[in-house]
């Protein structure tokens, strides 16, 4: 069986090869013929009669182009193209644009300064501009004279406003009032006065 199959397969393959080569030759035969006959073509020289006819044809073409050029040079636009009627839109007012104003070239007017600006500039002056002047808000400390100075004990014993009542005559309420008065009097004194009183009393 195997031998029969092998023989059958070889016969079949040979037939397929033959058919393939036949088809290949059939398709490539015209292409091979073209390639064989294709080569360098001979140069064909024109005769004198043909050259004269070609030159006459060229001269006729040149003359035609010259005539056309002359004719186009003579042409000119005499009438301008007329515009058609302008379209009219319903319920639309005409557009009106404000006229263009060009800025005038010249000297600018000086700006008027208000009173607030001048005051603010006058307040904030540099020390070079002030030229040794003192600022109005600043005060120099002044020492009180010795005749007006009072000791701390005398200030506590003798109040500024004389009161007929003493702390011993009344109760605790009067004592608190007297104490508050003395504290207020001490608060009203300056720092320099307090320092002098403390130095005198040895505190």
N, C-alpha and C. Protein backbone atom coordinates (compact mmCIF):
# COMPACT_ATOMS: atom_id res chain seq x y z
N UNK A 1 0.83 -1.21 0.00
CA UNK A 1 0.00 0.00 0.00
C UNK A 1 0.87 1.27 0.00
N UNK A 2 1.92 1.20 0.82
CA UNK A 2 2.77 2.38 0.89
C UNK A 2 3.46 2.64 -0.43
N UNK A 3 3.88 1.58 -1.10
CA UNK A 3 4.54 1.75 -2.39
C UNK A 3 3.59 2.36 -3.40
N UNK A 4 2.36 1.89 -3.40
CA UNK A 4 1.36 2.43 -4.33
C UNK A 4 1.12 3.93 -4.06
N UNK A 5 1.04 4.27 -2.78
CA UNK A 5 0.81 5.69 -2.43
C UNK A 5 1.99 6.56 -2.85
N UNK A 6 3.21 6.04 -2.65
CA UNK A 6 4.39 6.81 -3.03
C UNK A 6 4.43 7.04 -4.54
N UNK A 7 4.11 5.98 -5.29
CA UNK A 7 4.10 6.11 -6.76
C UNK A 7 3.05 7.12 -7.19
N UNK A 8 1.89 7.05 -6.59
CA UNK A 8 0.80 7.96 -6.94
C UNK A 8 1.18 9.41 -6.63
N UNK A 9 1.85 9.61 -5.48
CA UNK A 9 2.25 10.96 -5.09
C UNK A 9 3.32 11.52 -6.03
N UNK A 10 4.28 10.69 -6.44
CA UNK A 10 5.31 11.17 -7.35
C UNK A 10 4.73 11.55 -8.69
N UNK A 11 3.78 10.73 -9.20
CA UNK A 11 3.13 11.04 -10.49
C UNK A 11 2.36 12.35 -10.38
N UNK A 12 1.68 12.52 -9.28
CA UNK A 12 0.87 13.73 -9.10
C UNK A 12 1.76 14.97 -9.00
N UNK A 13 2.88 14.88 -8.31
CA UNK A 13 3.78 16.01 -8.17
C UNK A 13 4.41 16.40 -9.51
N UNK A 14 4.76 15.39 -10.30
CA UNK A 14 5.32 15.68 -11.63
C UNK A 14 4.31 16.39 -12.51
N UNK A 15 3.06 15.96 -12.46
CA UNK A 15 2.01 16.63 -13.24
C UNK A 15 1.84 18.09 -12.79
N UNK A 16 1.88 18.33 -11.50
CA UNK A 16 1.73 19.69 -10.98
C UNK A 16 2.89 20.58 -11.41
N UNK A 17 4.11 20.02 -11.41
CA UNK A 17 5.26 20.80 -11.85
C UNK A 17 5.14 21.18 -13.31
N UNK A 18 4.72 20.23 -14.15
CA UNK A 18 4.56 20.50 -15.58
C UNK A 18 3.53 21.60 -15.81
N UNK A 19 2.40 21.49 -15.12
CA UNK A 19 1.35 22.52 -15.30
C UNK A 19 1.83 23.89 -14.82
N UNK A 20 2.61 23.93 -13.74
CA UNK A 20 3.12 25.20 -13.22
C UNK A 20 4.06 25.86 -14.21
N UNK A 21 4.98 25.09 -14.79
CA UNK A 21 5.93 25.66 -15.74
C UNK A 21 5.23 26.12 -17.01
N UNK A 22 4.21 25.39 -17.44
CA UNK A 22 3.46 25.80 -18.63
C UNK A 22 2.77 27.15 -18.39
N UNK A 23 2.16 27.29 -17.25
CA UNK A 23 1.50 28.57 -16.93
C UNK A 23 2.52 29.70 -16.82
N UNK A 24 3.66 29.42 -16.24
CA UNK A 24 4.70 30.45 -16.07
C UNK A 24 5.19 30.94 -17.42
N UNK A 25 5.43 30.00 -18.35
CA UNK A 25 5.89 30.38 -19.69
C UNK A 25 4.80 31.13 -20.44
N UNK A 26 3.57 30.72 -20.24
CA UNK A 26 2.47 31.37 -20.94
C UNK A 26 2.31 32.83 -20.49
N UNK A 27 2.50 33.11 -19.22
CA UNK A 27 2.33 34.48 -18.69
C UNK A 27 3.53 35.37 -18.99
N UNK A 28 4.74 34.81 -18.99
CA UNK A 28 5.94 35.62 -19.18
C UNK A 28 6.42 35.69 -20.62
N UNK A 29 5.79 34.98 -21.54
CA UNK A 29 6.23 34.99 -22.94
C UNK A 29 6.15 36.37 -23.57
N UNK A 30 5.03 37.12 -23.46
CA UNK A 30 5.00 38.46 -24.09
C UNK A 30 6.00 39.43 -23.48
N UNK A 31 6.25 39.32 -22.19
CA UNK A 31 7.22 40.21 -21.54
C UNK A 31 8.64 39.93 -22.04
N UNK A 32 8.94 38.68 -22.27
CA UNK A 32 10.27 38.34 -22.78
C UNK A 32 10.47 38.86 -24.20
N UNK A 33 9.42 38.79 -25.00
CA UNK A 33 9.52 39.29 -26.37
C UNK A 33 9.76 40.80 -26.38
N UNK A 34 9.07 41.51 -25.50
CA UNK A 34 9.26 42.97 -25.43
C UNK A 34 10.68 43.29 -25.02
N UNK A 35 11.21 42.56 -24.06
CA UNK A 35 12.58 42.82 -23.61
C UNK A 35 13.61 42.49 -24.68
N UNK A 36 13.34 41.49 -25.50
CA UNK A 36 14.28 41.12 -26.56
C UNK A 36 14.35 42.20 -27.62
N UNK A 37 13.19 42.65 -28.07
CA UNK A 37 13.16 43.61 -29.17
C UNK A 37 13.42 45.05 -28.70
N UNK A 38 13.39 45.28 -27.41
CA UNK A 38 13.63 46.63 -26.91
C UNK A 38 15.13 46.89 -26.87
N UNK A 39 15.56 48.01 -27.36
CA UNK A 39 16.97 48.37 -27.39
C UNK A 39 17.12 49.81 -27.79
N UNK A 40 18.32 50.20 -28.20
CA UNK A 40 18.57 51.56 -28.63
C UNK A 40 17.94 51.79 -29.99
N UNK A 41 17.08 52.78 -30.05
CA UNK A 41 16.44 53.11 -31.32
C UNK A 41 17.34 54.02 -32.13
N UNK A 42 17.24 53.89 -33.40
CA UNK A 42 18.04 54.70 -34.31
C UNK A 42 17.51 56.13 -34.34
N UNK A 43 18.46 57.09 -34.46
CA UNK A 43 18.09 58.49 -34.54
C UNK A 43 17.62 58.78 -35.95
N UNK A 44 16.44 59.37 -36.06
CA UNK A 44 15.88 59.70 -37.38
C UNK A 44 16.14 61.17 -37.65
N UNK A 45 16.88 61.46 -38.70
CA UNK A 45 17.20 62.83 -39.09
C UNK A 45 16.14 63.35 -40.03
N UNK A 46 15.73 64.61 -39.79
CA UNK A 46 14.71 65.21 -40.62
C UNK A 46 15.35 65.76 -41.88
N UNK A 47 14.55 65.74 -42.89
CA UNK A 47 15.03 66.28 -44.17
C UNK A 47 14.90 67.79 -44.18
N UNK A 48 15.41 68.43 -45.27
CA UNK A 48 15.38 69.89 -45.37
C UNK A 48 13.97 70.42 -45.49
N UNK A 49 13.13 69.69 -46.23
CA UNK A 49 11.74 70.14 -46.41
C UNK A 49 10.99 70.13 -45.08
N UNK A 50 11.24 69.07 -44.27
CA UNK A 50 10.56 68.98 -42.99
C UNK A 50 11.02 70.09 -42.05
N UNK A 51 12.34 70.42 -42.09
CA UNK A 51 12.86 71.47 -41.22
C UNK A 51 12.30 72.83 -41.60
N UNK A 52 12.18 73.10 -42.92
CA UNK A 52 11.62 74.39 -43.35
C UNK A 52 10.16 74.52 -42.94
N UNK A 53 9.41 73.40 -43.05
CA UNK A 53 8.00 73.45 -42.64
C UNK A 53 7.87 73.70 -41.14
N UNK A 54 8.77 73.09 -40.34
CA UNK A 54 8.73 73.29 -38.89
C UNK A 54 9.08 74.73 -38.53
N UNK A 55 10.10 75.29 -39.25
CA UNK A 55 10.47 76.68 -38.97
C UNK A 55 9.36 77.64 -39.34
N UNK A 56 8.68 77.34 -40.45
CA UNK A 56 7.56 78.20 -40.85
C UNK A 56 6.43 78.13 -39.84
N UNK A 57 6.20 76.93 -39.30
CA UNK A 57 5.16 76.80 -38.26
C UNK A 57 5.55 77.59 -37.01
N UNK A 58 6.83 77.56 -36.64
CA UNK A 58 7.27 78.30 -35.46
C UNK A 58 7.15 79.80 -35.66
N UNK A 59 7.51 80.26 -36.88
CA UNK A 59 7.38 81.69 -37.16
C UNK A 59 5.93 82.14 -37.12
N UNK A 60 5.04 81.27 -37.61
CA UNK A 60 3.62 81.62 -37.59
C UNK A 60 3.12 81.72 -36.15
N UNK A 61 3.60 80.82 -35.28
CA UNK A 61 3.20 80.89 -33.87
C UNK A 61 3.70 82.17 -33.22
N UNK A 62 4.93 82.57 -33.55
CA UNK A 62 5.49 83.80 -32.97
C UNK A 62 4.72 85.02 -33.43
N UNK A 63 4.34 85.02 -34.71
CA UNK A 63 3.58 86.16 -35.23
C UNK A 63 2.21 86.25 -34.55
N UNK A 64 1.60 85.10 -34.29
CA UNK A 64 0.29 85.10 -33.62
C UNK A 64 0.41 85.66 -32.21
N UNK A 65 1.45 85.27 -31.49
CA UNK A 65 1.64 85.76 -30.12
C UNK A 65 1.93 87.26 -30.10
N UNK A 66 2.69 87.74 -31.12
CA UNK A 66 2.96 89.18 -31.18
C UNK A 66 1.68 89.97 -31.42
N UNK A 67 0.83 89.44 -32.29
CA UNK A 67 -0.44 90.13 -32.55
C UNK A 67 -1.29 90.18 -31.28
N UNK A 68 -1.32 89.08 -30.56
CA UNK A 68 -2.11 89.06 -29.32
C UNK A 68 -1.55 90.05 -28.30
N UNK A 69 -0.23 90.14 -28.20
CA UNK A 69 0.37 91.09 -27.27
C UNK A 69 0.04 92.53 -27.63
N UNK A 70 0.12 92.84 -28.93
CA UNK A 70 -0.22 94.20 -29.37
C UNK A 70 -1.67 94.52 -29.08
N UNK A 71 -2.53 93.54 -29.27
CA UNK A 71 -3.96 93.76 -29.05
C UNK A 71 -4.26 93.98 -27.57
N UNK A 72 -3.60 93.22 -26.71
CA UNK A 72 -3.83 93.38 -25.27
C UNK A 72 -3.28 94.70 -24.75
N UNK A 73 -2.20 95.21 -25.36
CA UNK A 73 -1.66 96.50 -24.92
C UNK A 73 -2.60 97.64 -25.23
N UNK A 74 -3.34 97.50 -26.31
CA UNK A 74 -4.28 98.56 -26.68
C UNK A 74 -5.51 98.58 -25.78
N UNK A 75 -5.79 97.47 -25.12
CA UNK A 75 -6.99 97.41 -24.29
C UNK A 75 -6.82 98.28 -23.05
N UNK A 76 -7.89 98.90 -22.59
CA UNK A 76 -7.89 99.69 -21.36
C UNK A 76 -9.30 99.66 -20.77
N UNK A 77 -9.38 99.85 -19.45
CA UNK A 77 -10.67 99.83 -18.76
C UNK A 77 -11.25 101.23 -18.83
N UNK A 78 -12.34 101.36 -19.53
CA UNK A 78 -12.99 102.67 -19.68
C UNK A 78 -14.13 102.86 -18.69
N UNK A 79 -14.93 101.84 -18.49
CA UNK A 79 -16.09 101.93 -17.58
C UNK A 79 -15.78 101.16 -16.30
N UNK A 80 -16.02 101.83 -15.19
CA UNK A 80 -15.84 101.16 -13.91
C UNK A 80 -17.03 100.26 -13.61
N UNK A 81 -16.76 99.27 -12.79
CA UNK A 81 -17.83 98.35 -12.44
C UNK A 81 -18.81 99.05 -11.51
N UNK A 82 -20.06 98.98 -11.86
CA UNK A 82 -21.09 99.63 -11.07
C UNK A 82 -21.56 98.69 -9.97
N UNK A 83 -21.75 99.28 -8.82
CA UNK A 83 -22.24 98.49 -7.70
C UNK A 83 -23.74 98.31 -7.81
N UNK A 84 -24.20 97.20 -7.25
CA UNK A 84 -25.63 96.95 -7.26
C UNK A 84 -26.33 97.76 -6.19
N UNK A 85 -27.62 97.67 -6.11
CA UNK A 85 -28.37 98.42 -5.09
C UNK A 85 -28.01 97.93 -3.69
N UNK A 86 -27.92 98.87 -2.76
CA UNK A 86 -27.57 98.52 -1.39
C UNK A 86 -28.72 97.78 -0.73
N UNK A 87 -28.44 96.74 0.04
CA UNK A 87 -29.53 95.98 0.67
C UNK A 87 -30.19 96.81 1.77
N UNK A 88 -31.49 96.70 1.87
CA UNK A 88 -32.27 97.43 2.86
C UNK A 88 -32.78 96.43 3.88
N UNK A 89 -32.47 96.67 5.15
CA UNK A 89 -32.92 95.79 6.22
C UNK A 89 -34.09 96.44 6.93
N UNK A 90 -35.06 95.63 7.26
CA UNK A 90 -36.26 96.15 7.92
C UNK A 90 -36.00 96.37 9.41
N UNK A 91 -36.58 97.45 9.93
CA UNK A 91 -36.52 97.78 11.36
C UNK A 91 -35.08 97.85 11.88
N UNK A 92 -34.25 98.54 11.15
CA UNK A 92 -32.86 98.70 11.60
C UNK A 92 -32.44 100.14 11.36
N UNK A 93 -32.17 100.90 12.43
CA UNK A 93 -31.76 102.30 12.24
C UNK A 93 -30.35 102.36 11.66
N UNK A 94 -30.03 103.44 11.00
CA UNK A 94 -28.67 103.55 10.43
C UNK A 94 -27.62 103.65 11.53
N UNK A 95 -26.49 103.08 11.25
CA UNK A 95 -25.39 103.09 12.22
C UNK A 95 -24.68 104.44 12.18
N UNK A 96 -24.56 105.05 13.34
CA UNK A 96 -23.89 106.34 13.44
C UNK A 96 -22.72 106.20 14.41
N UNK A 97 -21.55 106.45 13.92
CA UNK A 97 -20.35 106.37 14.75
C UNK A 97 -19.90 107.76 15.14
N UNK A 98 -19.41 107.93 16.37
CA UNK A 98 -18.94 109.26 16.78
C UNK A 98 -17.69 109.65 15.99
N UNK A 99 -17.51 110.94 15.77
CA UNK A 99 -16.31 111.37 15.02
C UNK A 99 -15.04 111.10 15.81
N UNK A 100 -14.00 110.81 15.07
CA UNK A 100 -12.71 110.52 15.71
C UNK A 100 -12.01 111.83 16.08
N UNK A 101 -11.59 111.91 17.32
CA UNK A 101 -10.89 113.10 17.81
C UNK A 101 -9.42 112.74 18.03
N UNK A 102 -8.57 113.44 17.34
CA UNK A 102 -7.13 113.22 17.53
C UNK A 102 -6.65 114.07 18.70
N UNK A 103 -5.82 113.53 19.57
CA UNK A 103 -5.35 114.33 20.71
C UNK A 103 -4.46 115.49 20.25
N UNK A 104 -4.66 116.62 20.89
CA UNK A 104 -3.88 117.81 20.55
C UNK A 104 -2.49 117.71 21.15
N UNK A 105 -1.53 118.09 20.36
CA UNK A 105 -0.14 118.08 20.83
C UNK A 105 0.23 119.47 21.32
N UNK A 106 0.56 119.55 22.56
CA UNK A 106 0.93 120.85 23.11
C UNK A 106 1.30 120.71 24.57
N UNK A 107 1.47 121.84 25.21
CA UNK A 107 1.85 121.82 26.63
C UNK A 107 0.66 121.38 27.46
N UNK A 108 0.90 120.47 28.38
CA UNK A 108 -0.15 119.98 29.26
C UNK A 108 -0.43 121.01 30.35
N UNK A 109 -1.68 121.07 30.75
CA UNK A 109 -2.07 122.00 31.80
C UNK A 109 -1.60 121.46 33.15
N UNK A 110 -1.13 122.33 34.05
CA UNK A 110 -0.70 121.84 35.37
C UNK A 110 -1.88 121.34 36.18
N UNK A 111 -1.66 120.29 36.91
CA UNK A 111 -2.73 119.71 37.72
C UNK A 111 -2.96 120.58 38.95
N UNK A 112 -4.21 120.86 39.23
CA UNK A 112 -4.55 121.66 40.39
C UNK A 112 -4.50 120.78 41.64
N UNK A 113 -3.67 121.17 42.60
CA UNK A 113 -3.52 120.39 43.82
C UNK A 113 -4.58 120.80 44.83
N UNK A 114 -5.17 119.83 45.44
CA UNK A 114 -6.18 120.11 46.45
C UNK A 114 -5.50 120.42 47.78
N UNK A 115 -6.31 120.91 48.71
CA UNK A 115 -5.76 121.29 50.01
C UNK A 115 -5.29 120.08 50.79
N UNK A 116 -5.98 118.92 50.61
CA UNK A 116 -5.60 117.71 51.35
C UNK A 116 -4.21 117.25 50.95
N UNK A 117 -3.91 117.31 49.66
CA UNK A 117 -2.61 116.84 49.19
C UNK A 117 -1.50 117.74 49.70
N UNK A 118 -1.75 119.05 49.65
CA UNK A 118 -0.72 119.99 50.12
C UNK A 118 -0.47 119.82 51.61
N UNK A 119 -1.53 119.57 52.37
CA UNK A 119 -1.35 119.38 53.81
C UNK A 119 -0.57 118.11 54.11
N UNK A 120 -0.92 117.05 53.38
CA UNK A 120 -0.21 115.79 53.62
C UNK A 120 1.27 115.91 53.27
N UNK A 121 1.59 116.65 52.21
CA UNK A 121 2.99 116.86 51.85
C UNK A 121 3.70 117.73 52.88
N UNK A 122 2.96 118.70 53.43
CA UNK A 122 3.58 119.57 54.43
C UNK A 122 3.86 118.81 55.72
N UNK A 123 3.03 117.82 56.06
CA UNK A 123 3.23 117.06 57.29
C UNK A 123 4.47 116.19 57.20
N UNK A 124 4.58 115.43 56.11
CA UNK A 124 5.68 114.47 55.97
C UNK A 124 6.85 115.14 55.27
N UNK A 125 7.61 115.91 56.04
CA UNK A 125 8.80 116.55 55.50
C UNK A 125 10.03 115.80 55.98
N UNK A 126 11.00 115.78 55.14
CA UNK A 126 12.25 115.13 55.51
C UNK A 126 13.05 116.05 56.42
N UNK A 127 13.98 115.51 57.21
CA UNK A 127 14.78 116.38 58.09
C UNK A 127 15.63 117.39 57.33
N UNK A 128 16.03 117.06 56.08
CA UNK A 128 16.82 118.02 55.29
C UNK A 128 15.98 119.24 54.94
N UNK A 129 14.70 119.01 54.64
CA UNK A 129 13.82 120.12 54.27
C UNK A 129 13.42 120.94 55.50
N UNK A 130 13.25 120.27 56.63
CA UNK A 130 12.80 121.00 57.81
C UNK A 130 13.86 121.97 58.33
N UNK A 131 15.16 121.71 58.07
CA UNK A 131 16.28 122.62 58.40
C UNK A 131 16.32 122.93 59.88
N UNK A 132 16.30 121.88 60.69
CA UNK A 132 16.49 122.06 62.12
C UNK A 132 15.25 122.45 62.88
N UNK A 133 14.09 122.46 62.27
CA UNK A 133 12.87 122.82 62.99
C UNK A 133 12.35 121.62 63.77
N UNK A 134 11.77 121.89 64.92
CA UNK A 134 11.22 120.82 65.73
C UNK A 134 9.84 120.43 65.24
N UNK A 135 9.54 119.17 65.41
CA UNK A 135 8.20 118.71 65.03
C UNK A 135 7.20 119.21 66.06
N UNK A 136 5.98 119.59 65.63
CA UNK A 136 5.03 120.17 66.59
C UNK A 136 4.53 119.16 67.62
N UNK A 137 4.47 117.86 67.30
CA UNK A 137 3.90 116.90 68.23
C UNK A 137 4.86 116.44 69.31
N UNK A 138 6.12 116.75 69.19
CA UNK A 138 7.13 116.26 70.13
C UNK A 138 7.43 117.35 71.17
N UNK A 139 7.46 116.97 72.46
CA UNK A 139 7.72 117.92 73.55
C UNK A 139 8.95 117.45 74.33
N UNK A 140 9.76 118.41 74.71
CA UNK A 140 10.95 118.09 75.51
C UNK A 140 10.58 118.07 76.99
N UNK A 141 11.12 117.12 77.76
CA UNK A 141 10.78 117.07 79.20
C UNK A 141 11.36 118.27 79.95
N UNK A 142 10.53 118.85 80.84
CA UNK A 142 10.92 120.02 81.63
C UNK A 142 10.91 119.62 83.10
N UNK A 143 11.97 119.92 83.80
CA UNK A 143 12.05 119.60 85.23
C UNK A 143 11.29 120.64 86.05
N UNK A 144 10.60 120.16 87.05
CA UNK A 144 9.88 121.06 87.94
C UNK A 144 10.86 121.71 88.92
N UNK A 145 10.64 122.96 89.26
CA UNK A 145 11.56 123.62 90.22
C UNK A 145 11.46 123.01 91.61
N UNK A 146 12.50 123.25 92.42
CA UNK A 146 12.56 122.68 93.77
C UNK A 146 11.50 123.26 94.69
N UNK A 147 11.11 124.52 94.43
CA UNK A 147 10.11 125.14 95.30
C UNK A 147 8.75 124.47 95.19
N UNK A 148 8.48 123.90 94.00
CA UNK A 148 7.17 123.28 93.80
C UNK A 148 7.16 121.79 94.13
N UNK A 149 8.34 121.23 94.36
CA UNK A 149 8.39 119.81 94.66
C UNK A 149 7.87 119.54 96.07
N UNK A 150 7.26 118.40 96.23
CA UNK A 150 6.73 117.98 97.53
C UNK A 150 7.24 116.59 97.83
N UNK A 151 7.41 116.34 99.07
CA UNK A 151 7.82 115.00 99.47
C UNK A 151 6.65 114.04 99.38
N UNK A 152 6.99 112.76 99.28
CA UNK A 152 5.94 111.74 99.16
C UNK A 152 5.11 111.67 100.43
N UNK A 153 5.77 111.84 101.59
CA UNK A 153 5.03 111.77 102.85
C UNK A 153 4.09 112.94 103.01
N UNK A 154 4.60 114.15 102.62
CA UNK A 154 3.74 115.32 102.74
C UNK A 154 2.56 115.24 101.78
N UNK A 155 2.79 114.67 100.59
CA UNK A 155 1.69 114.51 99.64
C UNK A 155 0.67 113.53 100.16
N UNK A 156 1.14 112.48 100.86
CA UNK A 156 0.20 111.51 101.40
C UNK A 156 -0.52 112.07 102.62
N UNK A 157 0.19 112.92 103.44
CA UNK A 157 -0.44 113.45 104.65
C UNK A 157 -1.40 114.58 104.33
N UNK A 158 -0.92 115.55 103.51
CA UNK A 158 -1.73 116.73 103.22
C UNK A 158 -2.24 116.63 101.80
N UNK A 159 -3.49 116.32 101.57
CA UNK A 159 -4.02 116.27 100.21
C UNK A 159 -4.14 117.67 99.63
N UNK A 160 -4.29 117.71 98.32
CA UNK A 160 -4.42 119.00 97.64
C UNK A 160 -5.70 119.70 98.06
N UNK A 161 -6.78 118.95 98.06
CA UNK A 161 -8.07 119.51 98.47
C UNK A 161 -8.26 119.22 99.95
N UNK A 162 -8.26 120.27 100.79
CA UNK A 162 -8.39 120.07 102.24
C UNK A 162 -9.76 119.54 102.59
N UNK A 163 -9.74 118.50 103.38
CA UNK A 163 -11.00 117.88 103.79
C UNK A 163 -11.14 118.04 105.31
N UNK A 164 -12.26 118.56 105.83
CA UNK A 164 -12.39 118.73 107.29
C UNK A 164 -12.40 117.41 108.04
N UNK A 165 -12.76 116.33 107.34
CA UNK A 165 -12.85 115.05 108.04
C UNK A 165 -11.53 114.31 107.92
N UNK A 166 -11.16 113.59 108.96
CA UNK A 166 -9.96 112.76 109.00
C UNK A 166 -10.36 111.30 108.91
N UNK A 167 -9.39 110.39 108.55
CA UNK A 167 -9.78 108.99 108.46
C UNK A 167 -10.17 108.37 109.80
N UNK A 168 -9.72 108.99 110.92
CA UNK A 168 -10.09 108.40 112.21
C UNK A 168 -11.52 108.69 112.61
N UNK A 169 -12.11 109.77 112.13
CA UNK A 169 -13.47 110.14 112.51
C UNK A 169 -14.53 109.30 111.84
N UNK A 170 -14.24 108.81 110.71
CA UNK A 170 -15.25 108.04 109.97
C UNK A 170 -14.83 106.59 109.89
N UNK A 171 -15.64 105.84 109.27
CA UNK A 171 -15.38 104.40 109.21
C UNK A 171 -14.49 104.00 108.03
N UNK A 172 -14.63 102.73 107.67
CA UNK A 172 -13.79 102.15 106.61
C UNK A 172 -14.08 102.78 105.25
N UNK A 173 -15.32 103.25 105.05
CA UNK A 173 -15.67 103.87 103.77
C UNK A 173 -14.89 105.15 103.55
N UNK A 174 -14.77 105.95 104.61
CA UNK A 174 -14.02 107.19 104.49
C UNK A 174 -12.53 106.91 104.28
N UNK A 175 -12.04 105.85 104.89
CA UNK A 175 -10.65 105.48 104.70
C UNK A 175 -10.37 105.11 103.23
N UNK A 176 -11.29 104.37 102.63
CA UNK A 176 -11.12 103.99 101.22
C UNK A 176 -11.16 105.20 100.30
N UNK A 177 -12.06 106.14 100.63
CA UNK A 177 -12.13 107.36 99.82
C UNK A 177 -10.83 108.15 99.94
N UNK A 178 -10.33 108.29 101.16
CA UNK A 178 -9.08 109.02 101.37
C UNK A 178 -7.92 108.34 100.63
N UNK A 179 -7.88 107.03 100.68
CA UNK A 179 -6.82 106.27 100.00
C UNK A 179 -6.88 106.45 98.49
N UNK A 180 -8.08 106.41 97.94
CA UNK A 180 -8.26 106.60 96.49
C UNK A 180 -7.84 107.99 96.05
N UNK A 181 -8.12 108.99 96.87
CA UNK A 181 -7.74 110.36 96.53
C UNK A 181 -6.22 110.49 96.47
N UNK A 182 -5.55 109.90 97.45
CA UNK A 182 -4.09 109.98 97.48
C UNK A 182 -3.49 109.27 96.27
N UNK A 183 -4.07 108.11 95.90
CA UNK A 183 -3.57 107.37 94.74
C UNK A 183 -3.76 108.17 93.46
N UNK A 184 -4.90 108.85 93.33
CA UNK A 184 -5.14 109.67 92.14
C UNK A 184 -4.17 110.84 92.07
N UNK A 185 -3.85 111.45 93.23
CA UNK A 185 -2.90 112.55 93.25
C UNK A 185 -1.50 112.08 92.84
N UNK A 186 -1.13 110.89 93.29
CA UNK A 186 0.18 110.35 92.90
C UNK A 186 0.21 110.02 91.41
N UNK A 187 -0.91 109.51 90.90
CA UNK A 187 -0.98 109.19 89.47
C UNK A 187 -0.86 110.42 88.60
N UNK A 188 -1.34 111.57 89.10
CA UNK A 188 -1.30 112.79 88.29
C UNK A 188 0.11 113.36 88.16
N UNK A 189 1.05 112.94 89.01
CA UNK A 189 2.41 113.46 88.96
C UNK A 189 3.18 112.85 87.79
N UNK A 190 4.19 113.59 87.28
CA UNK A 190 5.04 113.10 86.20
C UNK A 190 6.07 112.12 86.73
N UNK A 191 6.79 111.51 85.78
CA UNK A 191 7.82 110.54 86.15
C UNK A 191 8.98 111.22 86.86
N UNK A 192 9.33 112.40 86.36
CA UNK A 192 10.46 113.13 86.95
C UNK A 192 10.13 113.54 88.38
N UNK A 193 8.90 114.00 88.61
CA UNK A 193 8.49 114.42 89.95
C UNK A 193 8.47 113.24 90.91
N UNK A 194 7.99 112.09 90.43
CA UNK A 194 7.97 110.90 91.28
C UNK A 194 9.38 110.45 91.64
N UNK A 195 10.30 110.54 90.67
CA UNK A 195 11.69 110.16 90.96
C UNK A 195 12.31 111.08 92.00
N UNK A 196 12.02 112.38 91.88
CA UNK A 196 12.56 113.34 92.84
C UNK A 196 11.99 113.09 94.25
N UNK A 197 10.69 112.79 94.32
CA UNK A 197 10.07 112.52 95.62
C UNK A 197 10.65 111.26 96.26
N UNK A 198 10.88 110.25 95.42
CA UNK A 198 11.45 109.00 95.95
C UNK A 198 12.88 109.21 96.45
N UNK A 199 13.65 110.05 95.74
CA UNK A 199 15.02 110.32 96.16
C UNK A 199 15.05 111.10 97.47
N UNK A 200 14.12 112.04 97.61
CA UNK A 200 14.07 112.84 98.84
C UNK A 200 13.68 111.98 100.04
N UNK A 201 12.75 111.07 99.85
CA UNK A 201 12.29 110.22 100.95
C UNK A 201 13.19 109.01 101.15
N UNK A 202 14.14 108.80 100.26
CA UNK A 202 15.05 107.68 100.41
C UNK A 202 14.43 106.34 100.02
N UNK A 203 13.50 106.34 99.09
CA UNK A 203 12.86 105.09 98.64
C UNK A 203 13.54 104.56 97.40
